[in-house]
């Protein structure tokens, strides 16, 4: 029987639950499209390794990174708000993803297997983590100006070392502007202003918060 250790889902575990929830593991190369949302997609994904982006494109071709997800995160159409825009999931790096069927996952297991119950419990934990993440993201995006958005985002990131005020932005500045829904040129100008005011020190994507409360 497979198991979950340290919140990691093993291949043996997936092989066992595949009998009741139609689960399988797929490997995706960098920049591969994992799935597209729309038409009531039934795909649920759990990231085993790698990083993915959930991206929205509007009718004018404007692109926004809705979410950046890493190991042990969960994604599904049912967990992402969209209206008429094109939403897709793209592999930011080489990634390994557990793919499940949404309907099968929610049905009572005919085999009454322990691993199905463990899976539901783990997914519930992931959904709580995701809810906390989305609440934090809403808080960041609701800030009135670019400086406040940047500082709220910087403070949400883990410090590089204990008792250090340095953080590392996990993606490019162009992607950061997309993620925060702000113009890149305006963001770069604001970062420079923050440096001049000695609020931050910046070395590429490493930020030192010199005024950290």
N, C-alpha and C. Protein backbone atom coordinates (compact mmCIF):
# COMPACT_ATOMS: atom_id res chain seq x y z
N UNK A 1 0.84 -1.20 0.00
CA UNK A 1 0.00 0.00 0.00
C UNK A 1 0.87 1.24 0.00
N UNK A 2 0.56 2.24 -0.82
CA UNK A 2 1.31 3.48 -0.83
C UNK A 2 0.96 4.32 0.37
N UNK A 3 1.74 5.38 0.59
CA UNK A 3 1.45 6.25 1.71
C UNK A 3 1.88 7.67 1.41
N UNK A 4 1.54 8.56 2.32
CA UNK A 4 1.95 9.95 2.23
C UNK A 4 2.86 10.23 3.41
N UNK A 5 4.09 10.64 3.12
CA UNK A 5 5.05 10.97 4.16
C UNK A 5 5.47 12.41 3.98
N UNK A 6 5.48 13.15 5.11
CA UNK A 6 5.89 14.56 5.07
C UNK A 6 5.13 15.34 4.00
N UNK A 7 3.83 15.01 3.86
CA UNK A 7 2.95 15.69 2.91
C UNK A 7 3.32 15.43 1.45
N UNK A 8 4.21 14.45 1.18
CA UNK A 8 4.56 14.08 -0.18
C UNK A 8 3.76 12.85 -0.60
N UNK A 9 3.28 12.84 -1.83
CA UNK A 9 2.48 11.74 -2.33
C UNK A 9 3.36 10.86 -3.20
N UNK A 10 3.54 9.61 -2.82
CA UNK A 10 4.45 8.71 -3.51
C UNK A 10 3.80 8.11 -4.75
N UNK A 11 4.66 7.57 -5.65
CA UNK A 11 4.15 6.90 -6.84
C UNK A 11 3.37 5.64 -6.47
N UNK A 12 3.83 4.93 -5.44
CA UNK A 12 3.10 3.74 -4.99
C UNK A 12 1.70 4.11 -4.54
N UNK A 13 1.60 5.24 -3.86
CA UNK A 13 0.30 5.72 -3.40
C UNK A 13 -0.61 6.00 -4.59
N UNK A 14 -0.08 6.67 -5.60
CA UNK A 14 -0.87 6.98 -6.79
C UNK A 14 -1.28 5.70 -7.51
N UNK A 15 -0.38 4.73 -7.62
CA UNK A 15 -0.71 3.47 -8.28
C UNK A 15 -1.86 2.78 -7.57
N UNK A 16 -1.89 2.88 -6.25
CA UNK A 16 -2.96 2.22 -5.49
C UNK A 16 -4.30 2.94 -5.69
N UNK A 17 -4.31 4.26 -5.57
CA UNK A 17 -5.58 4.98 -5.67
C UNK A 17 -6.06 5.09 -7.11
N UNK A 18 -5.18 4.79 -8.08
CA UNK A 18 -5.59 4.86 -9.49
C UNK A 18 -6.75 3.92 -9.78
N UNK A 19 -6.89 2.89 -8.95
CA UNK A 19 -7.96 1.91 -9.14
C UNK A 19 -9.33 2.49 -8.81
N UNK A 20 -9.35 3.58 -8.01
CA UNK A 20 -10.67 4.10 -7.63
C UNK A 20 -10.89 5.57 -8.00
N UNK A 21 -9.83 6.32 -8.29
CA UNK A 21 -10.03 7.73 -8.62
C UNK A 21 -9.45 8.09 -9.99
N UNK A 22 -9.06 7.10 -10.76
CA UNK A 22 -8.56 7.35 -12.11
C UNK A 22 -7.38 8.33 -12.09
N UNK A 23 -6.42 8.08 -11.18
CA UNK A 23 -5.26 8.96 -11.03
C UNK A 23 -4.06 8.39 -11.79
N UNK A 24 -3.21 9.28 -12.26
CA UNK A 24 -1.96 8.86 -12.90
C UNK A 24 -0.94 10.00 -12.78
N UNK A 25 0.32 9.69 -13.00
CA UNK A 25 1.39 10.68 -12.92
C UNK A 25 1.87 11.01 -14.33
N UNK A 26 1.98 12.30 -14.63
CA UNK A 26 2.51 12.76 -15.91
C UNK A 26 3.73 13.65 -15.69
N UNK A 27 4.69 13.55 -16.58
CA UNK A 27 5.85 14.43 -16.58
C UNK A 27 5.69 15.45 -17.70
N UNK A 28 5.98 16.71 -17.40
CA UNK A 28 5.83 17.79 -18.37
C UNK A 28 7.14 18.54 -18.52
N UNK A 29 7.52 18.82 -19.76
CA UNK A 29 8.70 19.62 -20.02
C UNK A 29 8.41 21.09 -19.73
N UNK A 30 9.48 21.86 -19.53
CA UNK A 30 9.34 23.30 -19.33
C UNK A 30 8.57 23.92 -20.49
N UNK A 31 7.64 24.83 -20.15
CA UNK A 31 6.81 25.58 -21.11
C UNK A 31 5.71 24.74 -21.76
N UNK A 32 5.49 23.51 -21.25
CA UNK A 32 4.39 22.69 -21.77
C UNK A 32 3.05 23.16 -21.20
N UNK A 33 1.99 23.06 -22.00
CA UNK A 33 0.64 23.33 -21.51
C UNK A 33 0.12 22.06 -20.84
N UNK A 34 -0.22 22.17 -19.57
CA UNK A 34 -0.69 21.01 -18.81
C UNK A 34 -2.18 20.79 -19.03
N UNK A 35 -2.97 21.85 -18.95
CA UNK A 35 -4.40 21.75 -19.21
C UNK A 35 -4.95 23.13 -19.49
N UNK A 36 -6.10 23.17 -20.14
CA UNK A 36 -6.81 24.42 -20.40
C UNK A 36 -8.15 24.37 -19.68
N UNK A 37 -8.52 25.49 -19.05
CA UNK A 37 -9.78 25.53 -18.33
C UNK A 37 -10.90 25.95 -19.28
N UNK A 38 -12.06 25.41 -19.04
CA UNK A 38 -13.22 25.70 -19.88
C UNK A 38 -13.95 24.43 -20.18
N UNK A 39 -15.22 24.57 -20.56
CA UNK A 39 -16.06 23.41 -20.90
C UNK A 39 -16.10 22.41 -19.75
N UNK A 40 -16.09 22.96 -18.50
CA UNK A 40 -16.25 22.12 -17.31
C UNK A 40 -15.16 21.05 -17.24
N UNK A 41 -13.92 21.47 -17.31
CA UNK A 41 -12.79 20.55 -17.22
C UNK A 41 -12.82 19.79 -15.90
N UNK A 42 -12.54 18.50 -15.95
CA UNK A 42 -12.61 17.65 -14.77
C UNK A 42 -11.23 17.33 -14.19
N UNK A 43 -10.20 18.00 -14.69
CA UNK A 43 -8.84 17.69 -14.27
C UNK A 43 -8.51 18.37 -12.95
N UNK A 44 -7.97 17.58 -12.02
CA UNK A 44 -7.39 18.10 -10.78
C UNK A 44 -5.93 17.70 -10.78
N UNK A 45 -5.05 18.65 -10.49
CA UNK A 45 -3.62 18.35 -10.49
C UNK A 45 -2.99 18.64 -9.15
N UNK A 46 -2.06 17.76 -8.75
CA UNK A 46 -1.24 17.98 -7.55
C UNK A 46 0.21 17.95 -8.00
N UNK A 47 0.96 18.98 -7.65
CA UNK A 47 2.34 19.10 -8.11
C UNK A 47 3.25 18.26 -7.23
N UNK A 48 3.92 17.29 -7.84
CA UNK A 48 4.90 16.45 -7.13
C UNK A 48 6.27 17.12 -7.16
N UNK A 49 6.66 17.61 -8.32
CA UNK A 49 7.92 18.33 -8.49
C UNK A 49 7.72 19.43 -9.52
N UNK A 50 8.45 20.54 -9.35
CA UNK A 50 8.43 21.59 -10.36
C UNK A 50 7.58 22.78 -9.97
N UNK A 51 7.42 23.69 -10.92
CA UNK A 51 6.65 24.91 -10.74
C UNK A 51 5.73 25.10 -11.93
N UNK A 52 4.53 25.62 -11.68
CA UNK A 52 3.59 25.89 -12.76
C UNK A 52 3.01 27.29 -12.62
N UNK A 53 2.53 27.82 -13.74
CA UNK A 53 1.82 29.09 -13.75
C UNK A 53 0.39 28.84 -14.22
N UNK A 54 -0.57 29.50 -13.58
CA UNK A 54 -1.93 29.57 -14.10
C UNK A 54 -2.07 30.94 -14.75
N UNK A 55 -2.35 30.95 -16.04
CA UNK A 55 -2.26 32.17 -16.85
C UNK A 55 -3.60 32.50 -17.48
N UNK A 56 -3.92 33.78 -17.49
CA UNK A 56 -5.14 34.26 -18.15
C UNK A 56 -4.76 35.13 -19.33
N UNK A 57 -5.43 34.92 -20.47
CA UNK A 57 -5.28 35.80 -21.62
C UNK A 57 -6.66 36.32 -22.00
N UNK A 58 -6.77 37.65 -22.12
CA UNK A 58 -8.06 38.22 -22.51
C UNK A 58 -8.20 38.28 -24.03
N UNK A 59 -9.30 38.85 -24.48
CA UNK A 59 -9.59 38.85 -25.93
C UNK A 59 -8.60 39.71 -26.71
N UNK A 60 -7.86 40.57 -26.03
CA UNK A 60 -6.86 41.42 -26.69
C UNK A 60 -5.46 40.81 -26.64
N UNK A 61 -5.36 39.63 -26.03
CA UNK A 61 -4.07 38.97 -25.94
C UNK A 61 -3.23 39.40 -24.75
N UNK A 62 -3.81 40.21 -23.86
CA UNK A 62 -3.09 40.61 -22.65
C UNK A 62 -2.97 39.43 -21.69
N UNK A 63 -1.77 39.20 -21.19
CA UNK A 63 -1.49 38.03 -20.36
C UNK A 63 -1.29 38.43 -18.91
N UNK A 64 -1.91 37.66 -18.00
CA UNK A 64 -1.74 37.89 -16.57
C UNK A 64 -1.46 36.55 -15.89
N UNK A 65 -0.44 36.52 -15.05
CA UNK A 65 -0.19 35.33 -14.25
C UNK A 65 -1.11 35.38 -13.03
N UNK A 66 -2.09 34.50 -13.00
CA UNK A 66 -3.03 34.47 -11.88
C UNK A 66 -2.40 33.86 -10.64
N UNK A 67 -1.65 32.78 -10.85
CA UNK A 67 -1.04 32.09 -9.71
C UNK A 67 0.26 31.45 -10.15
N UNK A 68 1.18 31.35 -9.20
CA UNK A 68 2.41 30.58 -9.40
C UNK A 68 2.42 29.52 -8.31
N UNK A 69 2.42 28.27 -8.72
CA UNK A 69 2.29 27.17 -7.77
C UNK A 69 3.54 26.29 -7.79
N UNK A 70 3.88 25.74 -6.63
CA UNK A 70 5.06 24.90 -6.50
C UNK A 70 4.67 23.56 -5.88
N UNK A 71 5.68 22.79 -5.51
CA UNK A 71 5.51 21.43 -5.00
C UNK A 71 4.42 21.35 -3.91
N UNK A 72 3.58 20.32 -4.03
CA UNK A 72 2.50 20.01 -3.10
C UNK A 72 1.31 20.96 -3.20
N UNK A 73 1.27 21.82 -4.24
CA UNK A 73 0.11 22.67 -4.47
C UNK A 73 -0.91 21.93 -5.33
N UNK A 74 -2.13 22.42 -5.30
CA UNK A 74 -3.23 21.80 -6.05
C UNK A 74 -3.85 22.83 -6.99
N UNK A 75 -4.30 22.37 -8.17
CA UNK A 75 -5.00 23.27 -9.09
C UNK A 75 -6.15 22.52 -9.75
N UNK A 76 -7.17 23.29 -10.13
CA UNK A 76 -8.34 22.73 -10.81
C UNK A 76 -9.17 23.88 -11.33
N UNK A 77 -9.90 23.62 -12.39
CA UNK A 77 -10.79 24.65 -12.93
C UNK A 77 -11.77 25.11 -11.86
N UNK A 78 -12.25 24.17 -11.06
CA UNK A 78 -13.25 24.50 -10.04
C UNK A 78 -12.70 25.41 -8.95
N UNK A 79 -11.36 25.57 -8.90
CA UNK A 79 -10.73 26.40 -7.87
C UNK A 79 -10.25 27.72 -8.42
N UNK A 80 -10.53 28.00 -9.68
CA UNK A 80 -10.04 29.22 -10.32
C UNK A 80 -11.21 29.98 -10.93
N UNK A 81 -11.31 31.27 -10.58
CA UNK A 81 -12.38 32.09 -11.15
C UNK A 81 -12.01 32.54 -12.56
N UNK A 82 -12.90 32.37 -13.48
CA UNK A 82 -12.73 32.96 -14.80
C UNK A 82 -14.10 33.14 -15.43
N UNK A 83 -14.16 34.05 -16.38
CA UNK A 83 -15.43 34.30 -17.06
C UNK A 83 -15.31 33.91 -18.52
N UNK A 84 -14.94 34.85 -19.37
CA UNK A 84 -14.83 34.55 -20.80
C UNK A 84 -13.39 34.47 -21.27
N UNK A 85 -12.44 34.73 -20.39
CA UNK A 85 -11.04 34.75 -20.80
C UNK A 85 -10.49 33.33 -20.94
N UNK A 86 -9.37 33.24 -21.65
CA UNK A 86 -8.68 31.96 -21.86
C UNK A 86 -7.75 31.72 -20.68
N UNK A 87 -7.97 30.63 -19.96
CA UNK A 87 -7.17 30.28 -18.79
C UNK A 87 -6.48 28.95 -19.06
N UNK A 88 -5.17 28.91 -18.82
CA UNK A 88 -4.46 27.66 -19.01
C UNK A 88 -3.37 27.49 -17.96
N UNK A 89 -2.94 26.23 -17.80
CA UNK A 89 -1.91 25.88 -16.82
C UNK A 89 -0.66 25.51 -17.59
N UNK A 90 0.44 26.20 -17.29
CA UNK A 90 1.69 26.02 -18.02
C UNK A 90 2.80 25.61 -17.08
N UNK A 91 3.61 24.66 -17.52
CA UNK A 91 4.73 24.20 -16.71
C UNK A 91 5.88 25.20 -16.80
N UNK A 92 6.18 25.86 -15.67
CA UNK A 92 7.26 26.85 -15.64
C UNK A 92 8.63 26.17 -15.73
N UNK A 93 8.72 24.97 -15.15
CA UNK A 93 9.94 24.16 -15.19
C UNK A 93 9.54 22.75 -15.60
N UNK A 94 10.50 21.87 -15.79
CA UNK A 94 10.16 20.45 -15.92
C UNK A 94 9.39 20.06 -14.65
N UNK A 95 8.25 19.43 -14.83
CA UNK A 95 7.36 19.18 -13.69
C UNK A 95 6.79 17.77 -13.72
N UNK A 96 6.48 17.28 -12.53
CA UNK A 96 5.78 16.00 -12.37
C UNK A 96 4.47 16.29 -11.66
N UNK A 97 3.36 15.89 -12.28
CA UNK A 97 2.03 16.23 -11.80
C UNK A 97 1.19 14.98 -11.64
N UNK A 98 0.50 14.87 -10.51
CA UNK A 98 -0.52 13.84 -10.35
C UNK A 98 -1.83 14.38 -10.93
N UNK A 99 -2.39 13.66 -11.88
CA UNK A 99 -3.65 14.06 -12.51
C UNK A 99 -4.77 13.16 -11.99
N UNK A 100 -5.84 13.79 -11.50
CA UNK A 100 -6.99 13.05 -11.00
C UNK A 100 -8.25 13.53 -11.69
N UNK A 101 -9.27 12.71 -11.66
CA UNK A 101 -10.59 13.08 -12.17
C UNK A 101 -11.41 13.64 -11.01
N UNK A 102 -11.92 14.86 -11.19
CA UNK A 102 -12.63 15.56 -10.12
C UNK A 102 -13.83 14.76 -9.61
N UNK A 103 -14.65 14.26 -10.53
CA UNK A 103 -15.86 13.53 -10.12
C UNK A 103 -15.51 12.24 -9.38
N UNK A 104 -14.54 11.48 -9.91
CA UNK A 104 -14.15 10.23 -9.28
C UNK A 104 -13.59 10.46 -7.88
N UNK A 105 -12.87 11.56 -7.73
CA UNK A 105 -12.24 11.86 -6.45
C UNK A 105 -13.28 12.07 -5.35
N UNK A 106 -14.43 12.67 -5.71
CA UNK A 106 -15.44 13.01 -4.72
C UNK A 106 -16.41 11.86 -4.41
N UNK A 107 -16.43 10.85 -5.27
CA UNK A 107 -17.35 9.74 -5.04
C UNK A 107 -16.85 8.83 -3.93
N UNK A 108 -17.79 8.17 -3.27
CA UNK A 108 -17.41 7.18 -2.27
C UNK A 108 -16.67 6.03 -2.94
N UNK A 109 -15.58 5.61 -2.33
CA UNK A 109 -14.75 4.56 -2.91
C UNK A 109 -15.44 3.20 -2.81
N UNK A 110 -15.61 2.53 -3.94
CA UNK A 110 -16.27 1.21 -3.95
C UNK A 110 -15.44 0.18 -3.18
N UNK A 111 -14.11 0.37 -3.15
CA UNK A 111 -13.23 -0.58 -2.45
C UNK A 111 -13.07 -0.23 -0.97
N UNK A 112 -13.59 0.97 -0.59
CA UNK A 112 -13.44 1.45 0.77
C UNK A 112 -11.98 1.40 1.22
N UNK A 113 -11.08 1.85 0.32
CA UNK A 113 -9.65 1.73 0.62
C UNK A 113 -9.17 2.89 1.49
N UNK A 114 -8.19 2.59 2.30
CA UNK A 114 -7.65 3.58 3.23
C UNK A 114 -7.02 4.75 2.49
N UNK A 115 -6.33 4.46 1.38
CA UNK A 115 -5.61 5.51 0.68
C UNK A 115 -6.54 6.56 0.07
N UNK A 116 -7.75 6.12 -0.32
CA UNK A 116 -8.71 7.10 -0.84
C UNK A 116 -9.06 8.11 0.25
N UNK A 117 -9.28 7.62 1.46
CA UNK A 117 -9.59 8.50 2.58
C UNK A 117 -8.41 9.42 2.90
N UNK A 118 -7.20 8.87 2.82
CA UNK A 118 -6.00 9.68 3.06
C UNK A 118 -5.90 10.78 2.01
N UNK A 119 -6.19 10.42 0.75
CA UNK A 119 -6.12 11.40 -0.33
C UNK A 119 -7.10 12.55 -0.08
N UNK A 120 -8.34 12.22 0.26
CA UNK A 120 -9.34 13.26 0.51
C UNK A 120 -8.90 14.16 1.65
N UNK A 121 -8.32 13.56 2.69
CA UNK A 121 -7.83 14.34 3.83
C UNK A 121 -6.71 15.28 3.40
N UNK A 122 -5.78 14.77 2.59
CA UNK A 122 -4.65 15.60 2.13
C UNK A 122 -5.13 16.71 1.22
N UNK A 123 -6.07 16.42 0.33
CA UNK A 123 -6.60 17.46 -0.55
C UNK A 123 -7.31 18.54 0.26
N UNK A 124 -8.00 18.13 1.33
CA UNK A 124 -8.64 19.12 2.21
C UNK A 124 -7.60 20.06 2.81
N UNK A 125 -6.45 19.50 3.20
CA UNK A 125 -5.37 20.33 3.75
C UNK A 125 -4.84 21.29 2.68
N UNK A 126 -4.68 20.78 1.45
CA UNK A 126 -4.20 21.62 0.36
C UNK A 126 -5.18 22.75 0.06
N UNK A 127 -6.46 22.46 0.15
CA UNK A 127 -7.47 23.49 -0.12
C UNK A 127 -7.43 24.59 0.93
N UNK A 128 -7.17 24.22 2.18
CA UNK A 128 -7.03 25.22 3.24
C UNK A 128 -5.80 26.09 2.97
N UNK A 129 -4.69 25.44 2.60
CA UNK A 129 -3.47 26.20 2.28
C UNK A 129 -3.73 27.13 1.11
N UNK A 130 -4.46 26.64 0.12
CA UNK A 130 -4.76 27.45 -1.06
C UNK A 130 -5.65 28.63 -0.70
N UNK A 131 -6.62 28.40 0.17
CA UNK A 131 -7.50 29.48 0.61
C UNK A 131 -6.70 30.58 1.31
N UNK A 132 -5.75 30.18 2.14
CA UNK A 132 -4.91 31.16 2.82
C UNK A 132 -4.07 31.95 1.82
N UNK A 133 -3.54 31.22 0.81
CA UNK A 133 -2.74 31.86 -0.22
C UNK A 133 -3.56 32.88 -1.00
N UNK A 134 -4.78 32.51 -1.39
CA UNK A 134 -5.62 33.42 -2.17
C UNK A 134 -6.03 34.63 -1.35
N UNK A 135 -6.27 34.44 -0.06
CA UNK A 135 -6.60 35.58 0.82
C UNK A 135 -5.44 36.55 0.88
N UNK A 136 -4.24 36.01 0.97
CA UNK A 136 -3.04 36.85 0.99
C UNK A 136 -2.88 37.59 -0.33
N UNK A 137 -3.13 36.92 -1.43
CA UNK A 137 -3.00 37.54 -2.75
C UNK A 137 -4.02 38.67 -2.91
N UNK A 138 -5.25 38.45 -2.48
CA UNK A 138 -6.27 39.49 -2.55
C UNK A 138 -5.84 40.70 -1.74
N UNK A 139 -5.25 40.44 -0.57
CA UNK A 139 -4.78 41.54 0.27
C UNK A 139 -3.71 42.36 -0.46
N UNK A 140 -2.79 41.68 -1.14
CA UNK A 140 -1.72 42.37 -1.87
C UNK A 140 -2.30 43.20 -3.01
N UNK A 141 -3.18 42.60 -3.81
CA UNK A 141 -3.72 43.29 -4.98
C UNK A 141 -4.65 44.44 -4.61
N UNK A 142 -5.19 44.41 -3.40
CA UNK A 142 -6.13 45.45 -2.98
C UNK A 142 -5.42 46.72 -2.51
N UNK A 143 -4.09 46.67 -2.36
CA UNK A 143 -3.34 47.86 -1.94
C UNK A 143 -3.49 48.96 -2.98
N UNK A 144 -3.50 50.21 -2.52
CA UNK A 144 -3.87 51.32 -3.39
C UNK A 144 -2.79 51.75 -4.36
N UNK A 145 -1.52 51.59 -3.99
CA UNK A 145 -0.47 52.06 -4.89
C UNK A 145 0.60 50.98 -5.08
N UNK A 146 1.50 51.21 -6.02
CA UNK A 146 2.49 50.19 -6.41
C UNK A 146 3.44 49.89 -5.26
N UNK A 147 3.89 50.93 -4.55
CA UNK A 147 4.81 50.70 -3.43
C UNK A 147 4.18 49.79 -2.38
N UNK A 148 2.92 50.05 -2.05
CA UNK A 148 2.24 49.23 -1.04
C UNK A 148 2.08 47.78 -1.53
N UNK A 149 1.78 47.61 -2.82
CA UNK A 149 1.66 46.26 -3.36
C UNK A 149 2.99 45.52 -3.29
N UNK A 150 4.06 46.22 -3.68
CA UNK A 150 5.38 45.59 -3.65
C UNK A 150 5.79 45.22 -2.23
N UNK A 151 5.59 46.13 -1.28
CA UNK A 151 5.99 45.84 0.11
C UNK A 151 5.17 44.70 0.70
N UNK A 152 3.87 44.68 0.39
CA UNK A 152 3.03 43.59 0.89
C UNK A 152 3.48 42.26 0.32
N UNK A 153 3.84 42.27 -0.97
CA UNK A 153 4.32 41.03 -1.60
C UNK A 153 5.67 40.62 -1.02
N UNK A 154 6.60 41.56 -0.89
CA UNK A 154 7.92 41.23 -0.34
C UNK A 154 7.80 40.64 1.07
N UNK A 155 6.92 41.21 1.87
CA UNK A 155 6.77 40.73 3.25
C UNK A 155 6.09 39.35 3.30
N UNK A 156 5.42 38.97 2.22
CA UNK A 156 4.77 37.65 2.19
C UNK A 156 5.77 36.54 1.88
N UNK A 157 6.95 36.90 1.37
CA UNK A 157 7.94 35.90 0.98
C UNK A 157 8.78 35.48 2.18
N UNK A 158 9.23 34.21 2.20
CA UNK A 158 10.09 33.77 3.30
C UNK A 158 11.46 34.43 3.23
N UNK A 159 12.04 34.70 4.39
CA UNK A 159 13.38 35.28 4.43
C UNK A 159 14.40 34.24 4.00
N UNK A 160 15.47 34.71 3.36
CA UNK A 160 16.51 33.80 2.89
C UNK A 160 17.20 33.07 4.04
N UNK A 161 17.40 33.76 5.15
CA UNK A 161 18.03 33.17 6.32
C UNK A 161 17.34 33.68 7.58
N UNK A 162 17.45 32.92 8.64
CA UNK A 162 16.90 33.34 9.92
C UNK A 162 17.57 34.62 10.36
N UNK A 163 16.78 35.53 10.91
CA UNK A 163 17.29 36.83 11.38
C UNK A 163 17.87 37.67 10.25
N UNK A 164 17.41 37.41 9.03
CA UNK A 164 17.84 38.20 7.87
C UNK A 164 16.63 38.90 7.29
N UNK A 165 16.85 40.07 6.70
CA UNK A 165 15.76 40.78 6.03
C UNK A 165 15.82 40.63 4.52
N UNK A 166 16.62 39.69 4.05
CA UNK A 166 16.73 39.44 2.62
C UNK A 166 15.71 38.40 2.17
N UNK A 167 15.07 38.71 1.05
CA UNK A 167 14.15 37.75 0.41
C UNK A 167 14.54 37.64 -1.06
N UNK A 168 14.12 36.55 -1.68
CA UNK A 168 14.39 36.36 -3.10
C UNK A 168 13.07 36.28 -3.87
N UNK A 169 12.91 37.15 -4.85
CA UNK A 169 11.73 37.08 -5.71
C UNK A 169 11.85 35.82 -6.56
N UNK A 170 10.86 34.93 -6.53
CA UNK A 170 11.02 33.61 -7.17
C UNK A 170 10.84 33.61 -8.68
N UNK A 171 10.69 34.77 -9.31
CA UNK A 171 10.58 34.82 -10.75
C UNK A 171 11.08 36.16 -11.26
N UNK A 172 11.07 36.36 -12.56
CA UNK A 172 11.63 37.56 -13.17
C UNK A 172 10.79 38.78 -12.80
N UNK A 173 11.39 39.97 -12.95
CA UNK A 173 10.67 41.20 -12.66
C UNK A 173 9.51 41.41 -13.64
N UNK A 174 9.69 40.96 -14.89
CA UNK A 174 8.60 41.05 -15.86
C UNK A 174 7.41 40.22 -15.39
N UNK A 175 7.69 39.01 -14.91
CA UNK A 175 6.61 38.16 -14.39
C UNK A 175 6.03 38.71 -13.10
N UNK A 176 6.87 39.37 -12.29
CA UNK A 176 6.36 39.98 -11.06
C UNK A 176 5.34 41.06 -11.39
N UNK A 177 5.62 41.87 -12.42
CA UNK A 177 4.66 42.90 -12.82
C UNK A 177 3.34 42.27 -13.27
N UNK A 178 3.42 41.18 -14.02
CA UNK A 178 2.21 40.47 -14.44
C UNK A 178 1.46 39.94 -13.22
N UNK A 179 2.21 39.37 -12.30
CA UNK A 179 1.60 38.75 -11.12
C UNK A 179 0.89 39.79 -10.25
N UNK A 180 1.46 40.99 -10.16
CA UNK A 180 0.87 42.04 -9.33
C UNK A 180 -0.09 42.93 -10.12
N UNK A 181 -0.26 42.61 -11.42
CA UNK A 181 -1.20 43.34 -12.28
C UNK A 181 -0.85 44.82 -12.35
N UNK A 182 0.44 45.13 -12.56
CA UNK A 182 0.89 46.51 -12.69
C UNK A 182 1.79 46.63 -13.91
N UNK A 183 1.91 47.84 -14.44
CA UNK A 183 2.76 48.07 -15.59
C UNK A 183 4.23 47.90 -15.19
N UNK A 184 5.00 47.19 -16.03
CA UNK A 184 6.38 46.88 -15.69
C UNK A 184 7.22 48.15 -15.55
N UNK A 185 7.06 49.11 -16.47
CA UNK A 185 7.84 50.34 -16.41
C UNK A 185 7.55 51.12 -15.13
N UNK A 186 6.27 51.20 -14.78
CA UNK A 186 5.90 51.89 -13.54
C UNK A 186 6.46 51.16 -12.32
N UNK A 187 6.45 49.84 -12.37
CA UNK A 187 7.00 49.06 -11.25
C UNK A 187 8.50 49.29 -11.10
N UNK A 188 9.23 49.28 -12.21
CA UNK A 188 10.67 49.49 -12.16
C UNK A 188 10.98 50.89 -11.61
N UNK A 189 10.19 51.87 -12.02
CA UNK A 189 10.38 53.23 -11.51
C UNK A 189 10.14 53.28 -10.00
N UNK A 190 9.11 52.55 -9.55
CA UNK A 190 8.80 52.54 -8.12
C UNK A 190 9.86 51.81 -7.32
N UNK A 191 10.42 50.73 -7.86
CA UNK A 191 11.51 50.04 -7.18
C UNK A 191 12.71 50.96 -7.00
N UNK A 192 13.00 51.76 -8.03
CA UNK A 192 14.09 52.72 -7.94
C UNK A 192 13.80 53.76 -6.86
N UNK A 193 12.57 54.24 -6.81
CA UNK A 193 12.17 55.21 -5.78
C UNK A 193 12.33 54.62 -4.39
N UNK A 194 11.96 53.35 -4.25
CA UNK A 194 12.07 52.69 -2.94
C UNK A 194 13.54 52.54 -2.52
N UNK A 195 14.39 52.31 -3.50
CA UNK A 195 15.83 52.27 -3.21
C UNK A 195 16.34 53.65 -2.78
N UNK A 196 15.90 54.68 -3.48
CA UNK A 196 16.34 56.04 -3.15
C UNK A 196 15.86 56.46 -1.75
N UNK A 197 14.69 55.96 -1.37
CA UNK A 197 14.16 56.28 -0.03
C UNK A 197 14.73 55.34 1.03
N UNK A 198 15.61 54.44 0.60
CA UNK A 198 16.28 53.49 1.49
C UNK A 198 15.28 52.56 2.20
N UNK A 199 14.18 52.27 1.51
CA UNK A 199 13.22 51.28 2.01
C UNK A 199 13.72 49.87 1.69
N UNK A 200 14.36 49.75 0.53
CA UNK A 200 14.91 48.46 0.12
C UNK A 200 16.29 48.65 -0.48
N UNK A 201 17.03 47.55 -0.53
CA UNK A 201 18.23 47.44 -1.34
C UNK A 201 17.99 46.29 -2.30
N UNK A 202 18.41 46.44 -3.56
CA UNK A 202 18.09 45.43 -4.57
C UNK A 202 19.33 44.99 -5.31
N UNK A 203 19.48 43.69 -5.45
CA UNK A 203 20.53 43.10 -6.26
C UNK A 203 19.87 42.05 -7.15
N UNK A 204 19.48 42.48 -8.36
CA UNK A 204 18.71 41.63 -9.27
C UNK A 204 17.42 41.21 -8.58
N UNK A 205 17.21 39.90 -8.34
CA UNK A 205 15.94 39.49 -7.73
C UNK A 205 16.07 39.25 -6.22
N UNK A 206 17.18 39.70 -5.63
CA UNK A 206 17.34 39.63 -4.18
C UNK A 206 17.04 40.99 -3.59
N UNK A 207 16.11 41.03 -2.65
CA UNK A 207 15.67 42.27 -2.04
C UNK A 207 16.00 42.24 -0.56
N UNK A 208 16.65 43.31 -0.09
CA UNK A 208 16.84 43.48 1.36
C UNK A 208 15.86 44.55 1.83
N UNK A 209 15.02 44.18 2.78
CA UNK A 209 14.04 45.11 3.33
C UNK A 209 14.72 45.87 4.46
N UNK A 210 15.11 47.09 4.18
CA UNK A 210 15.87 47.86 5.18
C UNK A 210 14.94 48.54 6.19
N UNK A 211 13.64 48.55 5.85
CA UNK A 211 12.65 49.07 6.80
C UNK A 211 11.60 47.98 6.97
N UNK A 212 11.83 47.10 7.92
CA UNK A 212 10.99 45.89 8.08
C UNK A 212 10.38 45.92 9.46
N UNK A 213 9.04 45.96 9.50
CA UNK A 213 8.37 45.93 10.81
C UNK A 213 7.71 44.59 11.03
